[in-house]
Amino acid sequence: MKYSKIFQFAYLVFAVLFLYDGITKWGDGTHGAYVSFALAGLAVFIFFFRRKFANKYGNKNKS
């Protein structure tokens, strides 16, 4: 179960990396900044989605 919590926070790390990549591409004027921003948003969504279901199944097993 500890591994799933580590992977949850790995999605946040990837979100920060994609945000950085998007900001640098936006500043340089190169194409692909929107893709990086979309991937960052997707990574944040997956973080909260996995966190919700991990808590849901964790609470079910305790009761």
PDB file of N, CA and C in Angstrom:
ATOM      1  N   MET A   1       0.816  -1.190   0.000  1.00  0.00           N
ATOM      2  CA  MET A   1       0.000   0.000   0.000  1.00  0.00           C
ATOM      3  C   MET A   1       0.862   1.258   0.000  1.00  0.00           C
ATOM      4  N   LYS A   2       2.066   1.163   0.512  1.00  0.00           N
ATOM      5  CA  LYS A   2       2.936   2.331   0.525  1.00  0.00           C
ATOM      6  C   LYS A   2       3.331   2.746  -0.884  1.00  0.00           C
ATOM      7  N   TYR A   3       3.438   1.752  -1.775  1.00  0.00           N
ATOM      8  CA  TYR A   3       3.833   2.069  -3.138  1.00  0.00           C
ATOM      9  C   TYR A   3       2.786   2.915  -3.845  1.00  0.00           C
ATOM     10  N   SER A   4       1.524   2.660  -3.565  1.00  0.00           N
ATOM     11  CA  SER A   4       0.481   3.441  -4.218  1.00  0.00           C
ATOM     12  C   SER A   4       0.522   4.901  -3.767  1.00  0.00           C
ATOM     13  N   LYS A   5       0.877   5.146  -2.511  1.00  0.00           N
ATOM     14  CA  LYS A   5       0.994   6.527  -2.046  1.00  0.00           C
ATOM     15  C   LYS A   5       2.190   7.219  -2.681  1.00  0.00           C
ATOM     16  N   ILE A   6       3.266   6.485  -2.890  1.00  0.00           N
ATOM     17  CA  ILE A   6       4.432   7.060  -3.552  1.00  0.00           C
ATOM     18  C   ILE A   6       4.086   7.434  -4.984  1.00  0.00           C
ATOM     19  N   PHE A   7       3.361   6.548  -5.680  1.00  0.00           N
ATOM     20  CA  PHE A   7       2.992   6.826  -7.058  1.00  0.00           C
ATOM     21  C   PHE A   7       1.978   7.955  -7.156  1.00  0.00           C
ATOM     22  N   GLN A   8       1.149   8.128  -6.144  1.00  0.00           N
ATOM     23  CA  GLN A   8       0.225   9.263  -6.145  1.00  0.00           C
ATOM     24  C   GLN A   8       0.996  10.571  -6.190  1.00  0.00           C
ATOM     25  N   PHE A   9       2.013  10.689  -5.364  1.00  0.00           N
ATOM     26  CA  PHE A   9       2.773  11.924  -5.329  1.00  0.00           C
ATOM     27  C   PHE A   9       3.716  12.062  -6.516  1.00  0.00           C
ATOM     28  N   ALA A  10       4.015  10.968  -7.176  1.00  0.00           N
ATOM     29  CA  ALA A  10       4.811  11.042  -8.404  1.00  0.00           C
ATOM     30  C   ALA A  10       4.032  11.786  -9.483  1.00  0.00           C
ATOM     31  N   TYR A  11       2.709  11.657  -9.491  1.00  0.00           N
ATOM     32  CA  TYR A  11       1.896  12.397 -10.455  1.00  0.00           C
ATOM     33  C   TYR A  11       2.019  13.900 -10.225  1.00  0.00           C
ATOM     34  N   LEU A  12       2.115  14.324  -8.989  1.00  0.00           N
ATOM     35  CA  LEU A  12       2.311  15.752  -8.718  1.00  0.00           C
ATOM     36  C   LEU A  12       3.675  16.227  -9.198  1.00  0.00           C
ATOM     37  N   VAL A  13       4.679  15.374  -9.043  1.00  0.00           N
ATOM     38  CA  VAL A  13       6.020  15.727  -9.537  1.00  0.00           C
ATOM     39  C   VAL A  13       5.986  15.883 -11.046  1.00  0.00           C
ATOM     40  N   PHE A  14       5.310  14.960 -11.731  1.00  0.00           N
ATOM     41  CA  PHE A  14       5.196  15.073 -13.187  1.00  0.00           C
ATOM     42  C   PHE A  14       4.409  16.312 -13.586  1.00  0.00           C
ATOM     43  N   ALA A  15       3.405  16.675 -12.817  1.00  0.00           N
ATOM     44  CA  ALA A  15       2.633  17.884 -13.112  1.00  0.00           C
ATOM     45  C   ALA A  15       3.515  19.122 -13.037  1.00  0.00           C
ATOM     46  N   VAL A  16       4.363  19.185 -12.024  1.00  0.00           N
ATOM     47  CA  VAL A  16       5.269  20.329 -11.894  1.00  0.00           C
ATOM     48  C   VAL A  16       6.255  20.359 -13.061  1.00  0.00           C
ATOM     49  N   LEU A  17       6.766  19.194 -13.439  1.00  0.00           N
ATOM     50  CA  LEU A  17       7.696  19.143 -14.567  1.00  0.00           C
ATOM     51  C   LEU A  17       7.025  19.575 -15.872  1.00  0.00           C
ATOM     52  N   PHE A  18       5.800  19.141 -16.098  1.00  0.00           N
ATOM     53  CA  PHE A  18       5.087  19.552 -17.309  1.00  0.00           C
ATOM     54  C   PHE A  18       4.746  21.035 -17.283  1.00  0.00           C
ATOM     55  N   LEU A  19       4.427  21.572 -16.113  1.00  0.00           N
ATOM     56  CA  LEU A  19       4.200  23.018 -16.015  1.00  0.00           C
ATOM     57  C   LEU A  19       5.459  23.799 -16.347  1.00  0.00           C
ATOM     58  N   TYR A  20       6.583  23.361 -15.814  1.00  0.00           N
ATOM     59  CA  TYR A  20       7.853  24.015 -16.122  1.00  0.00           C
ATOM     60  C   TYR A  20       8.148  23.954 -17.619  1.00  0.00           C
ATOM     61  N   ASP A  21       7.919  22.784 -18.195  1.00  0.00           N
ATOM     62  CA  ASP A  21       8.153  22.618 -19.621  1.00  0.00           C
ATOM     63  C   ASP A  21       7.228  23.531 -20.434  1.00  0.00           C
ATOM     64  N   GLY A  22       5.974  23.620 -20.045  1.00  0.00           N
ATOM     65  CA  GLY A  22       5.026  24.477 -20.750  1.00  0.00           C
ATOM     66  C   GLY A  22       5.379  25.946 -20.649  1.00  0.00           C
ATOM     67  N   ILE A  23       5.817  26.364 -19.465  1.00  0.00           N
ATOM     68  CA  ILE A  23       6.190  27.770 -19.281  1.00  0.00           C
ATOM     69  C   ILE A  23       7.422  28.120 -20.105  1.00  0.00           C
ATOM     70  N   THR A  24       8.404  27.224 -20.139  1.00  0.00           N
ATOM     71  CA  THR A  24       9.600  27.508 -20.936  1.00  0.00           C
ATOM     72  C   THR A  24       9.277  27.511 -22.429  1.00  0.00           C
ATOM     73  N   LYS A  25       8.398  26.620 -22.873  1.00  0.00           N
ATOM     74  CA  LYS A  25       8.007  26.626 -24.287  1.00  0.00           C
ATOM     75  C   LYS A  25       7.187  27.864 -24.620  1.00  0.00           C
ATOM     76  N   TRP A  26       6.364  28.298 -23.692  1.00  0.00           N
ATOM     77  CA  TRP A  26       5.552  29.499 -23.910  1.00  0.00           C
ATOM     78  C   TRP A  26       6.454  30.728 -24.048  1.00  0.00           C
ATOM     79  N   GLY A  27       7.481  30.806 -23.194  1.00  0.00           N
ATOM     80  CA  GLY A  27       8.399  31.942 -23.233  1.00  0.00           C
ATOM     81  C   GLY A  27       9.274  31.955 -24.472  1.00  0.00           C
ATOM     82  N   ASP A  28       9.648  30.801 -24.968  1.00  0.00           N
ATOM     83  CA  ASP A  28      10.487  30.712 -26.159  1.00  0.00           C
ATOM     84  C   ASP A  28       9.699  30.916 -27.436  1.00  0.00           C
ATOM     85  N   GLY A  29       8.401  30.758 -27.362  1.00  0.00           N
ATOM     86  CA  GLY A  29       7.569  30.902 -28.543  1.00  0.00           C
ATOM     87  C   GLY A  29       7.499  29.640 -29.377  1.00  0.00           C
ATOM     88  N   THR A  30       7.979  28.531 -28.851  1.00  0.00           N
ATOM     89  CA  THR A  30       7.905  27.277 -29.596  1.00  0.00           C
ATOM     90  C   THR A  30       6.537  26.648 -29.423  1.00  0.00           C
ATOM     91  N   HIS A  31       6.223  25.743 -30.302  1.00  0.00           N
ATOM     92  CA  HIS A  31       4.929  25.062 -30.264  1.00  0.00           C
ATOM     93  C   HIS A  31       4.966  23.940 -29.236  1.00  0.00           C
ATOM     94  N   GLY A  32       3.810  23.582 -28.741  1.00  0.00           N
ATOM     95  CA  GLY A  32       3.713  22.463 -27.818  1.00  0.00           C
ATOM     96  C   GLY A  32       3.490  22.863 -26.386  1.00  0.00           C
ATOM     97  N   ALA A  33       3.337  24.152 -26.104  1.00  0.00           N
ATOM     98  CA  ALA A  33       3.112  24.578 -24.726  1.00  0.00           C
ATOM     99  C   ALA A  33       1.751  24.104 -24.236  1.00  0.00           C
ATOM    100  N   TYR A  34       0.761  24.121 -25.122  1.00  0.00           N
ATOM    101  CA  TYR A  34      -0.581  23.691 -24.724  1.00  0.00           C
ATOM    102  C   TYR A  34      -0.609  22.203 -24.374  1.00  0.00           C
ATOM    103  N   VAL A  35       0.177  21.425 -25.072  1.00  0.00           N
ATOM    104  CA  VAL A  35       0.231  19.989 -24.778  1.00  0.00           C
ATOM    105  C   VAL A  35       0.823  19.765 -23.391  1.00  0.00           C
ATOM    106  N   SER A  36       1.859  20.505 -23.056  1.00  0.00           N
ATOM    107  CA  SER A  36       2.470  20.373 -21.734  1.00  0.00           C
ATOM    108  C   SER A  36       1.503  20.799 -20.635  1.00  0.00           C
ATOM    109  N   PHE A  37       0.754  21.878 -20.879  1.00  0.00           N
ATOM    110  CA  PHE A  37      -0.228  22.314 -19.890  1.00  0.00           C
ATOM    111  C   PHE A  37      -1.347  21.293 -19.734  1.00  0.00           C
ATOM    112  N   ALA A  38      -1.761  20.688 -20.831  1.00  0.00           N
ATOM    113  CA  ALA A  38      -2.805  19.666 -20.768  1.00  0.00           C
ATOM    114  C   ALA A  38      -2.321  18.438 -20.005  1.00  0.00           C
ATOM    115  N   LEU A  39      -1.085  18.032 -20.226  1.00  0.00           N
ATOM    116  CA  LEU A  39      -0.537  16.882 -19.503  1.00  0.00           C
ATOM    117  C   LEU A  39      -0.381  17.187 -18.013  1.00  0.00           C
ATOM    118  N   ALA A  40      -0.037  18.425 -17.688  1.00  0.00           N
ATOM    119  CA  ALA A  40       0.056  18.814 -16.281  1.00  0.00           C
ATOM    120  C   ALA A  40      -1.322  18.742 -15.621  1.00  0.00           C
ATOM    121  N   GLY A  41      -2.338  19.233 -16.312  1.00  0.00           N
ATOM    122  CA  GLY A  41      -3.699  19.149 -15.788  1.00  0.00           C
ATOM    123  C   GLY A  41      -4.164  17.710 -15.633  1.00  0.00           C
ATOM    124  N   LEU A  42      -3.810  16.877 -16.588  1.00  0.00           N
ATOM    125  CA  LEU A  42      -4.171  15.462 -16.513  1.00  0.00           C
ATOM    126  C   LEU A  42      -3.481  14.782 -15.334  1.00  0.00           C
ATOM    127  N   ALA A  43      -2.225  15.118 -15.089  1.00  0.00           N
ATOM    128  CA  ALA A  43      -1.494  14.523 -13.972  1.00  0.00           C
ATOM    129  C   ALA A  43      -2.109  14.926 -12.633  1.00  0.00           C
ATOM    130  N   VAL A  44      -2.543  16.178 -12.517  1.00  0.00           N
ATOM    131  CA  VAL A  44      -3.198  16.624 -11.278  1.00  0.00           C
ATOM    132  C   VAL A  44      -4.536  15.911 -11.113  1.00  0.00           C
ATOM    133  N   PHE A  45      -5.288  15.766 -12.211  1.00  0.00           N
ATOM    134  CA  PHE A  45      -6.564  15.047 -12.151  1.00  0.00           C
ATOM    135  C   PHE A  45      -6.350  13.608 -11.718  1.00  0.00           C
ATOM    136  N   ILE A  46      -5.361  12.928 -12.260  1.00  0.00           N
ATOM    137  CA  ILE A  46      -5.097  11.533 -11.901  1.00  0.00           C
ATOM    138  C   ILE A  46      -4.679  11.430 -10.439  1.00  0.00           C
ATOM    139  N   PHE A  47      -3.918  12.413  -9.938  1.00  0.00           N
ATOM    140  CA  PHE A  47      -3.528  12.410  -8.531  1.00  0.00           C
ATOM    141  C   PHE A  47      -4.759  12.396  -7.627  1.00  0.00           C
ATOM    142  N   PHE A  48      -5.688  13.332  -7.873  1.00  0.00           N
ATOM    143  CA  PHE A  48      -6.870  13.408  -7.017  1.00  0.00           C
ATOM    144  C   PHE A  48      -7.796  12.210  -7.223  1.00  0.00           C
ATOM    145  N   PHE A  49      -7.872  11.688  -8.438  1.00  0.00           N
ATOM    146  CA  PHE A  49      -8.703  10.522  -8.725  1.00  0.00           C
ATOM    147  C   PHE A  49      -8.186   9.300  -7.980  1.00  0.00           C
ATOM    148  N   ARG A  50      -6.889   9.050  -8.061  1.00  0.00           N
ATOM    149  CA  ARG A  50      -6.313   7.889  -7.375  1.00  0.00           C
ATOM    150  C   ARG A  50      -6.384   8.049  -5.863  1.00  0.00           C
ATOM    151  N   ARG A  51      -6.218   9.284  -5.385  1.00  0.00           N
ATOM    152  CA  ARG A  51      -6.284   9.537  -3.951  1.00  0.00           C
ATOM    153  C   ARG A  51      -7.689   9.270  -3.413  1.00  0.00           C
ATOM    154  N   LYS A  52      -8.701   9.680  -4.168  1.00  0.00           N
ATOM    155  CA  LYS A  52     -10.088   9.454  -3.753  1.00  0.00           C
ATOM    156  C   LYS A  52     -10.381   7.964  -3.651  1.00  0.00           C
ATOM    157  N   PHE A  53      -9.987   7.206  -4.657  1.00  0.00           N
ATOM    158  CA  PHE A  53     -10.302   5.790  -4.642  1.00  0.00           C
ATOM    159  C   PHE A  53      -9.433   5.025  -3.647  1.00  0.00           C
ATOM    160  N   ALA A  54      -8.232   5.470  -3.387  1.00  0.00           N
ATOM    161  CA  ALA A  54      -7.410   4.821  -2.369  1.00  0.00           C
ATOM    162  C   ALA A  54      -8.033   5.016  -0.990  1.00  0.00           C
ATOM    163  N   ASN A  55      -8.526   6.222  -0.726  1.00  0.00           N
ATOM    164  CA  ASN A  55      -9.197   6.477   0.555  1.00  0.00           C
ATOM    165  C   ASN A  55     -10.502   5.706   0.654  1.00  0.00           C
ATOM    166  N   LYS A  56     -11.207   5.589  -0.454  1.00  0.00           N
ATOM    167  CA  LYS A  56     -12.489   4.876  -0.459  1.00  0.00           C
ATOM    168  C   LYS A  56     -12.281   3.397  -0.142  1.00  0.00           C
ATOM    169  N   TYR A  57     -11.314   2.776  -0.793  1.00  0.00           N
ATOM    170  CA  TYR A  57     -11.066   1.371  -0.539  1.00  0.00           C
ATOM    171  C   TYR A  57     -10.367   1.135   0.798  1.00  0.00           C
ATOM    172  N   GLY A  58      -9.587   2.084   1.252  1.00  0.00           N
ATOM    173  CA  GLY A  58      -8.954   1.961   2.563  1.00  0.00           C
ATOM    174  C   GLY A  58      -9.968   2.014   3.678  1.00  0.00           C
ATOM    175  N   ASN A  59     -10.956   2.869   3.546  1.00  0.00           N
ATOM    176  CA  ASN A  59     -12.011   2.969   4.562  1.00  0.00           C
ATOM    177  C   ASN A  59     -12.918   1.746   4.537  1.00  0.00           C
ATOM    178  N   LYS A  60     -13.110   1.161   3.371  1.00  0.00           N
ATOM    179  CA  LYS A  60     -13.959  -0.019   3.264  1.00  0.00           C
ATOM    180  C   LYS A  60     -13.306  -1.215   3.946  1.00  0.00           C
ATOM    181  N   ASN A  61     -11.986  -1.330   3.819  1.00  0.00           N
ATOM    182  CA  ASN A  61     -11.276  -2.448   4.431  1.00  0.00           C
ATOM    183  C   ASN A  61     -11.195  -2.317   5.947  1.00  0.00           C
ATOM    184  N   LYS A  62     -11.218  -1.093   6.480  1.00  0.00           N
ATOM    185  CA  LYS A  62     -11.127  -0.897   7.923  1.00  0.00           C
ATOM    186  C   LYS A  62     -12.427  -1.234   8.631  1.00  0.00           C
ATOM    187  N   SER A  63     -13.558  -1.038   7.963  1.00  0.00           N
ATOM    188  CA  SER A  63     -14.841  -1.268   8.633  1.00  0.00           C
ATOM    189  C   SER A  63     -15.350  -2.681   8.477  1.00  0.00           C
TER     190      SER A  63
END
